[in-house]
N, C-alpha and C. Protein backbone atom coordinates (compact mmCIF):
# COMPACT_ATOMS: atom_id res chain seq x y z
N UNK A 1 -11.88 12.86 14.80
CA UNK A 1 -11.30 12.87 13.85
C UNK A 1 -10.26 11.59 13.76
N UNK A 2 -10.53 11.13 12.56
CA UNK A 2 -9.82 10.19 11.93
C UNK A 2 -8.40 10.44 11.30
N UNK A 3 -7.29 9.69 11.69
CA UNK A 3 -5.97 10.01 10.72
C UNK A 3 -5.03 8.81 11.00
N UNK A 4 -4.12 9.05 10.11
CA UNK A 4 -3.07 8.12 10.52
C UNK A 4 -1.76 8.77 10.88
N UNK A 5 -0.83 8.09 11.61
CA UNK A 5 0.11 8.53 11.98
C UNK A 5 1.40 7.79 11.66
N UNK A 6 2.29 8.03 10.82
CA UNK A 6 3.52 7.30 10.42
C UNK A 6 4.77 7.70 11.43
N UNK A 7 5.77 6.79 11.74
CA UNK A 7 7.01 7.04 12.34
C UNK A 7 7.88 6.22 11.79
N UNK A 8 9.11 6.28 12.16
CA UNK A 8 9.97 5.65 12.09
C UNK A 8 11.35 6.17 10.88
N UNK A 9 10.71 7.15 10.32
CA UNK A 9 11.69 7.92 8.90
C UNK A 9 12.84 8.45 9.90
N UNK A 10 13.70 8.77 8.84
CA UNK A 10 15.04 9.14 9.49
C UNK A 10 16.14 9.45 8.30
N UNK A 11 17.34 9.74 8.60
CA UNK A 11 18.54 9.63 7.81
C UNK A 11 19.31 8.26 8.02
N UNK A 12 19.66 7.56 6.60
CA UNK A 12 20.17 6.53 7.00
C UNK A 12 21.25 6.01 5.56
N UNK A 13 22.28 5.53 5.68
CA UNK A 13 23.42 5.39 4.64
C UNK A 13 22.81 4.39 3.40
N UNK A 14 23.56 4.73 2.41
CA UNK A 14 23.31 3.97 1.36
C UNK A 14 23.23 2.34 1.80
N UNK A 15 22.36 1.35 1.51
CA UNK A 15 22.63 0.42 1.88
C UNK A 15 22.18 -0.30 3.61
N UNK A 16 21.56 0.85 3.99
CA UNK A 16 21.26 0.56 5.32
C UNK A 16 19.51 0.36 5.27
N UNK A 17 18.94 0.05 6.65
CA UNK A 17 17.60 -0.06 6.66
C UNK A 17 16.95 0.69 7.57
N UNK A 18 15.53 0.70 7.58
CA UNK A 18 14.88 1.13 8.17
C UNK A 18 13.28 0.85 8.46
N UNK A 19 12.81 0.87 9.46
CA UNK A 19 11.40 0.29 9.62
C UNK A 19 10.48 1.50 9.97
N UNK A 20 9.07 1.69 8.82
CA UNK A 20 8.48 2.52 9.07
C UNK A 20 7.16 1.96 10.15
N UNK A 21 6.49 2.85 10.61
CA UNK A 21 5.09 2.23 11.34
C UNK A 21 4.15 3.14 10.86
N UNK A 22 2.76 2.58 10.89
CA UNK A 22 1.68 3.70 10.66
C UNK A 22 0.51 2.97 11.62
N UNK A 23 0.28 3.90 12.51
CA UNK A 23 -1.02 3.65 13.71
C UNK A 23 -1.97 4.62 13.55
N UNK A 24 -3.39 4.13 13.34
CA UNK A 24 -4.63 5.00 13.09
C UNK A 24 -4.64 5.63 14.21
N UNK A 25 -5.42 6.60 14.29
CA UNK A 25 -6.10 7.33 15.70
C UNK A 25 -7.69 7.68 15.27
N UNK A 26 -8.38 7.47 16.26
CA UNK A 26 -9.75 7.66 15.98
C UNK A 26 -10.65 6.65 15.35
N UNK A 27 -10.05 5.34 15.00
CA UNK A 27 -10.81 4.39 14.46
C UNK A 27 -9.90 3.34 14.32
N UNK A 28 -10.43 2.01 14.08
CA UNK A 28 -9.66 1.01 13.79
C UNK A 28 -9.55 0.64 12.28
N UNK A 29 -8.53 0.17 11.84
CA UNK A 29 -8.57 -0.05 10.32
C UNK A 29 -8.12 -1.44 9.76
N UNK A 30 -8.60 -2.41 10.73
CA UNK A 30 -8.57 -3.80 10.83
C UNK A 30 -8.98 -4.13 9.31
N UNK A 31 -10.34 -3.69 9.19
CA UNK A 31 -11.09 -4.07 7.81
C UNK A 31 -10.68 -3.23 6.58
N UNK A 32 -9.56 -2.57 6.67
CA UNK A 32 -9.08 -1.89 5.31
C UNK A 32 -7.87 -2.26 5.00
N UNK A 33 -7.49 -2.21 3.36
CA UNK A 33 -6.59 -2.48 3.03
C UNK A 33 -5.65 -1.38 2.98
N UNK A 34 -4.55 -1.52 3.53
CA UNK A 34 -3.50 -0.54 3.72
C UNK A 34 -2.29 -0.67 2.98
N UNK A 35 -1.77 0.89 2.69
CA UNK A 35 -0.49 1.04 1.68
C UNK A 35 0.43 1.91 2.09
N UNK A 36 1.61 1.73 1.60
CA UNK A 36 2.25 2.87 1.59
C UNK A 36 2.51 3.48 0.16
N UNK A 37 2.68 5.08 0.03
CA UNK A 37 2.98 5.66 -1.01
C UNK A 37 4.23 6.51 -0.78
N UNK A 38 4.84 6.98 -1.66
CA UNK A 38 5.95 8.14 -1.22
C UNK A 38 6.11 9.04 -2.34
N UNK A 39 6.69 10.44 -2.02
CA UNK A 39 7.07 11.41 -2.71
C UNK A 39 8.32 11.74 -2.76
N UNK A 40 9.02 11.85 -3.80
CA UNK A 40 10.31 12.31 -3.98
C UNK A 40 10.17 13.72 -4.35
N UNK A 41 11.24 14.75 -3.97
CA UNK A 41 11.32 16.15 -4.10
C UNK A 41 10.94 16.26 -5.63
N UNK A 42 10.04 17.03 -6.02
CA UNK A 42 9.60 17.30 -7.58
C UNK A 42 9.31 16.30 -8.51
N UNK A 43 8.66 15.25 -7.53
CA UNK A 43 8.09 13.97 -8.41
C UNK A 43 6.66 13.95 -7.78
N UNK A 44 6.04 13.06 -8.53
CA UNK A 44 4.75 12.79 -8.21
C UNK A 44 4.48 11.52 -7.16
N UNK A 45 3.65 11.27 -6.41
CA UNK A 45 3.24 10.29 -5.70
C UNK A 45 3.66 9.06 -6.13
N UNK A 46 4.04 8.15 -5.93
CA UNK A 46 4.35 6.97 -6.23
C UNK A 46 3.98 5.65 -5.25
N UNK A 47 3.42 4.66 -5.95
CA UNK A 47 3.02 3.50 -4.98
C UNK A 47 4.25 2.64 -4.76
N UNK A 48 4.17 2.36 -3.17
CA UNK A 48 5.30 1.47 -2.92
C UNK A 48 4.87 0.15 -2.62
N UNK A 49 4.04 0.04 -1.61
CA UNK A 49 3.58 -1.35 -1.27
C UNK A 49 2.22 -1.29 -0.74
N UNK A 50 1.45 -2.39 -0.68
CA UNK A 50 0.02 -2.54 -0.02
C UNK A 50 0.04 -3.76 0.76
N UNK A 51 -1.04 -4.18 1.39
CA UNK A 51 -1.61 -5.13 2.03
C UNK A 51 -2.78 -5.25 2.36
N UNK A 52 -3.48 -6.32 2.10
CA UNK A 52 -4.90 -7.07 2.17
C UNK A 52 -5.13 -6.81 3.76
N UNK A 53 -6.55 -6.30 3.95
CA UNK A 53 -6.71 -6.05 5.26
C UNK A 53 -6.58 -7.56 6.27
N UNK A 54 -6.62 -8.41 5.62
CA UNK A 54 -6.44 -9.88 6.41
C UNK A 54 -4.95 -10.29 6.52
N UNK A 55 -4.29 -9.56 5.85
CA UNK A 55 -2.75 -9.63 5.57
C UNK A 55 -2.45 -10.85 4.89
N UNK A 56 -3.38 -11.57 4.46
CA UNK A 56 -3.06 -12.89 3.21
C UNK A 56 -2.37 -12.48 2.06
N UNK A 57 -2.38 -10.85 1.54
CA UNK A 57 -1.68 -10.77 0.23
C UNK A 57 -1.07 -9.30 0.42
N UNK A 58 0.18 -9.27 -0.19
CA UNK A 58 0.80 -8.25 -0.14
C UNK A 58 1.28 -7.93 -1.77
N UNK A 59 1.50 -6.70 -1.86
CA UNK A 59 1.76 -5.84 -3.06
C UNK A 59 2.84 -5.08 -3.52
N UNK A 60 3.67 -4.83 -4.44
CA UNK A 60 4.99 -4.32 -4.21
C UNK A 60 5.29 -3.40 -5.77
N UNK A 61 5.59 -2.33 -5.53
CA UNK A 61 6.01 -1.79 -6.62
C UNK A 61 7.24 -2.51 -7.35
N UNK A 62 7.84 -2.39 -8.51
CA UNK A 62 8.74 -3.28 -8.68
C UNK A 62 10.07 -2.65 -8.26
N UNK A 63 9.98 -1.47 -8.14
CA UNK A 63 11.39 -0.67 -7.89
C UNK A 63 11.63 -1.06 -6.32
N UNK A 64 11.16 -1.64 -5.56
CA UNK A 64 11.40 -2.19 -4.25
C UNK A 64 10.91 -3.32 -3.79
N UNK A 65 10.58 -4.42 -4.94
CA UNK A 65 10.24 -5.56 -4.65
C UNK A 65 11.55 -6.52 -4.11
N UNK A 66 11.76 -7.34 -3.18
CA UNK A 66 12.71 -8.04 -2.73
C UNK A 66 13.60 -6.89 -1.81
N UNK A 67 13.41 -5.75 -1.47
CA UNK A 67 13.81 -5.01 -0.59
C UNK A 67 12.98 -4.61 0.51
N UNK A 68 11.99 -4.49 0.03
CA UNK A 68 10.85 -3.81 1.21
C UNK A 68 9.80 -4.81 1.65
N UNK A 69 9.18 -4.86 2.84
CA UNK A 69 8.19 -6.02 3.09
C UNK A 69 7.49 -4.85 3.99
N UNK A 70 5.92 -5.20 3.54
CA UNK A 70 4.78 -4.78 4.28
C UNK A 70 4.17 -5.90 5.08
N UNK A 71 3.89 -5.61 6.15
CA UNK A 71 3.11 -6.14 7.15
C UNK A 71 2.17 -5.72 7.93
N UNK A 72 1.25 -6.24 8.76
CA UNK A 72 0.37 -5.62 9.47
C UNK A 72 0.14 -6.49 10.91
N UNK A 73 -0.23 -5.99 11.93
CA UNK A 73 -0.43 -6.56 12.93
C UNK A 73 -1.93 -5.80 13.44
N UNK A 74 -2.56 -6.87 13.23
CA UNK A 74 -4.30 -6.00 13.49
C UNK A 74 -4.53 -6.06 14.95
N UNK A 75 -4.13 -6.69 15.92
CA UNK A 75 -4.31 -6.66 17.39
C UNK A 75 -3.51 -5.24 17.79
N UNK A 76 -2.40 -4.85 16.88
CA UNK A 76 -2.11 -3.68 17.77
C UNK A 76 -2.39 -2.56 16.69
N UNK A 77 -3.17 -2.94 15.67
CA UNK A 77 -3.55 -1.89 14.66
C UNK A 77 -2.54 -0.99 14.17
N UNK A 78 -1.97 -1.75 13.62
CA UNK A 78 -0.51 -1.04 13.13
C UNK A 78 0.11 -1.53 11.81
N UNK A 79 0.27 -1.00 10.95
CA UNK A 79 1.40 -1.62 9.68
C UNK A 79 2.77 -0.94 9.70
N UNK A 80 3.43 -1.96 9.31
CA UNK A 80 5.14 -1.70 9.03
C UNK A 80 5.26 -1.80 7.64
N UNK A 81 6.69 -1.03 7.42
CA UNK A 81 7.33 -1.32 6.13
C UNK A 81 8.72 -1.35 6.46
N UNK A 82 9.10 -2.34 6.33
CA UNK A 82 10.57 -2.69 6.66
C UNK A 82 11.32 -2.42 5.18
N UNK A 83 12.15 -1.68 5.46
CA UNK A 83 12.98 -1.32 4.15
C UNK A 83 14.74 -1.52 4.50
N UNK A 84 14.88 -2.32 3.44
CA UNK A 84 16.25 -2.89 3.31
C UNK A 84 16.77 -2.59 2.07
N UNK A 85 18.38 -2.38 2.25
CA UNK A 85 19.24 -2.35 0.99
C UNK A 85 19.00 -0.83 0.44
N UNK A 86 18.45 0.10 0.99
CA UNK A 86 17.95 1.29 0.84
C UNK A 86 19.27 2.16 0.04
N UNK A 87 18.35 2.90 -0.81
CA UNK A 87 19.58 3.66 -1.94
C UNK A 87 19.00 5.11 -2.00
N UNK A 88 19.79 6.15 -2.17
CA UNK A 88 19.53 7.38 -2.42
C UNK A 88 17.98 7.43 -3.61
N UNK A 89 17.81 6.67 -4.17
CA UNK A 89 16.56 6.85 -4.96
C UNK A 89 15.59 6.49 -4.36
N UNK A 90 15.70 6.20 -2.98
CA UNK A 90 14.33 5.83 -2.14
C UNK A 90 14.04 7.14 -1.22
N UNK A 91 15.00 7.97 -1.35
CA UNK A 91 14.72 9.29 -0.29
C UNK A 91 13.24 9.69 -0.83
N UNK A 92 12.29 10.20 0.26
CA UNK A 92 11.29 10.57 -0.28
C UNK A 92 10.59 10.68 1.02
N UNK A 93 9.35 11.40 0.82
CA UNK A 93 8.44 11.40 2.33
C UNK A 93 7.60 10.29 2.13
N UNK A 94 7.34 9.30 2.91
CA UNK A 94 6.42 8.38 2.59
C UNK A 94 5.34 8.18 3.66
N UNK A 95 4.35 7.68 2.95
CA UNK A 95 3.00 8.11 3.58
C UNK A 95 2.04 6.76 3.36
N UNK A 96 1.23 6.68 4.53
CA UNK A 96 0.58 5.73 4.90
C UNK A 96 -0.87 6.08 4.57
N UNK A 97 -1.65 5.06 3.99
CA UNK A 97 -3.12 5.25 3.52
C UNK A 97 -3.78 4.13 3.58
N UNK A 98 -4.97 4.32 3.79
CA UNK A 98 -6.08 3.25 4.04
C UNK A 98 -7.25 3.13 2.94
N UNK A 99 -7.54 2.29 2.24
CA UNK A 99 -8.71 2.36 1.50
C UNK A 99 -8.72 1.09 0.42
N UNK A 100 -9.48 1.13 -0.66
CA UNK A 100 -9.57 0.09 -1.65
C UNK A 100 -9.38 0.39 -2.73
N UNK A 101 -8.62 0.05 -3.54
CA UNK A 101 -8.18 0.64 -5.25
C UNK A 101 -9.15 0.16 -6.01
N UNK A 102 -9.47 0.62 -7.05
CA UNK A 102 -10.63 0.37 -8.08
C UNK A 102 -9.77 -0.44 -9.08
N UNK A 103 -8.55 -0.52 -9.10
CA UNK A 103 -8.02 -1.18 -10.10
C UNK A 103 -6.60 -2.15 -9.36
N UNK A 104 -5.96 -2.91 -9.97
CA UNK A 104 -4.76 -3.44 -9.33
C UNK A 104 -3.84 -2.21 -8.84
N UNK A 105 -3.06 -2.53 -7.78
CA UNK A 105 -2.29 -1.60 -6.90
C UNK A 105 -1.40 -1.18 -7.77
N UNK A 106 -1.26 0.39 -8.07
CA UNK A 106 -0.26 0.92 -8.73
C UNK A 106 -0.53 2.57 -8.19
N UNK A 107 0.57 3.40 -8.78
CA UNK A 107 0.08 4.72 -8.27
C UNK A 107 -1.17 5.35 -8.70
N UNK A 108 -1.73 4.68 -9.55
CA UNK A 108 -2.95 5.62 -9.58
C UNK A 108 -4.15 4.96 -8.28
N UNK A 109 -3.49 4.43 -7.56
CA UNK A 109 -4.16 3.90 -6.64
C UNK A 109 -4.41 5.10 -5.43
N UNK A 110 -3.54 6.00 -5.70
CA UNK A 110 -3.44 6.98 -4.74
C UNK A 110 -5.03 7.82 -4.70
N UNK A 111 -5.58 8.00 -5.87
CA UNK A 111 -6.82 8.63 -5.76
C UNK A 111 -7.81 8.12 -5.12
N UNK A 112 -7.87 6.62 -4.75
CA UNK A 112 -8.81 5.87 -4.08
C UNK A 112 -8.73 5.71 -2.82
N UNK A 113 -7.64 6.00 -2.11
CA UNK A 113 -7.25 6.13 -0.67
C UNK A 113 -8.28 7.13 -0.24
N UNK A 114 -9.00 6.57 1.13
CA UNK A 114 -9.73 7.11 1.71
C UNK A 114 -9.13 8.13 3.16
N UNK A 115 -8.19 7.63 3.51
CA UNK A 115 -7.45 7.97 4.94
C UNK A 115 -5.71 8.08 4.74
N UNK A 116 -5.32 9.27 4.91
CA UNK A 116 -3.92 9.66 4.98
C UNK A 116 -3.07 9.93 6.18
N UNK A 117 -1.93 9.73 6.38
CA UNK A 117 -1.09 10.46 7.31
C UNK A 117 -0.39 11.28 6.61
N UNK A 118 0.43 12.08 7.53
CA UNK A 118 0.86 13.49 7.32
C UNK A 118 2.51 13.12 6.51
N UNK A 119 2.86 11.88 6.60
CA UNK A 119 4.14 11.37 6.10
C UNK A 119 5.36 11.47 6.94
N UNK A 120 6.34 10.79 6.72
CA UNK A 120 7.76 10.65 7.26
C UNK A 120 8.71 10.54 6.02
N UNK A 121 9.77 11.56 6.99
CA UNK A 121 10.66 11.76 5.45
C UNK A 121 12.14 10.58 5.67
N UNK A 122 12.12 9.87 4.82
CA UNK A 122 13.30 9.00 4.64
C UNK A 122 14.32 9.69 3.72
N UNK A 123 15.52 9.71 4.30
CA UNK A 123 16.62 10.22 3.42
C UNK A 123 17.58 9.40 3.63
N UNK A 124 18.13 8.88 2.21
CA UNK A 124 19.48 8.19 2.22
C UNK A 124 20.49 8.71 1.47
N UNK A 125 21.46 9.05 2.59
CA UNK A 125 22.57 9.49 1.80
C UNK A 125 23.56 8.42 1.22
N UNK A 126 24.37 8.98 -0.01
CA UNK A 126 25.29 8.15 -0.37
C UNK A 126 26.84 8.28 0.00
């Protein structure tokens, strides 16, 4: 069975930082583009960030650009999401995903992802 496992979520104060990790199990994902999506209570899934399989290109939602950084370590077969300057609006379950979008990265890419993790909760208190 192939799946992704997220970790690093938790409770943080407004303006704080967290680093999420995503490690796959069952196969290597070094040849996959990887992404983070999030879902806040009562809202649809939202694209957050993505990284090319080689690590050469990264993509961000406007809402997180300049605050979040996605990276990957293909030796460790792990991707990361460094989240700085967090605000209560960032509160959500964050999901790691692997796949190739059929169009430029956006929330629509959610439907193109092949593998998903179960998510990790990030709560930002005001």
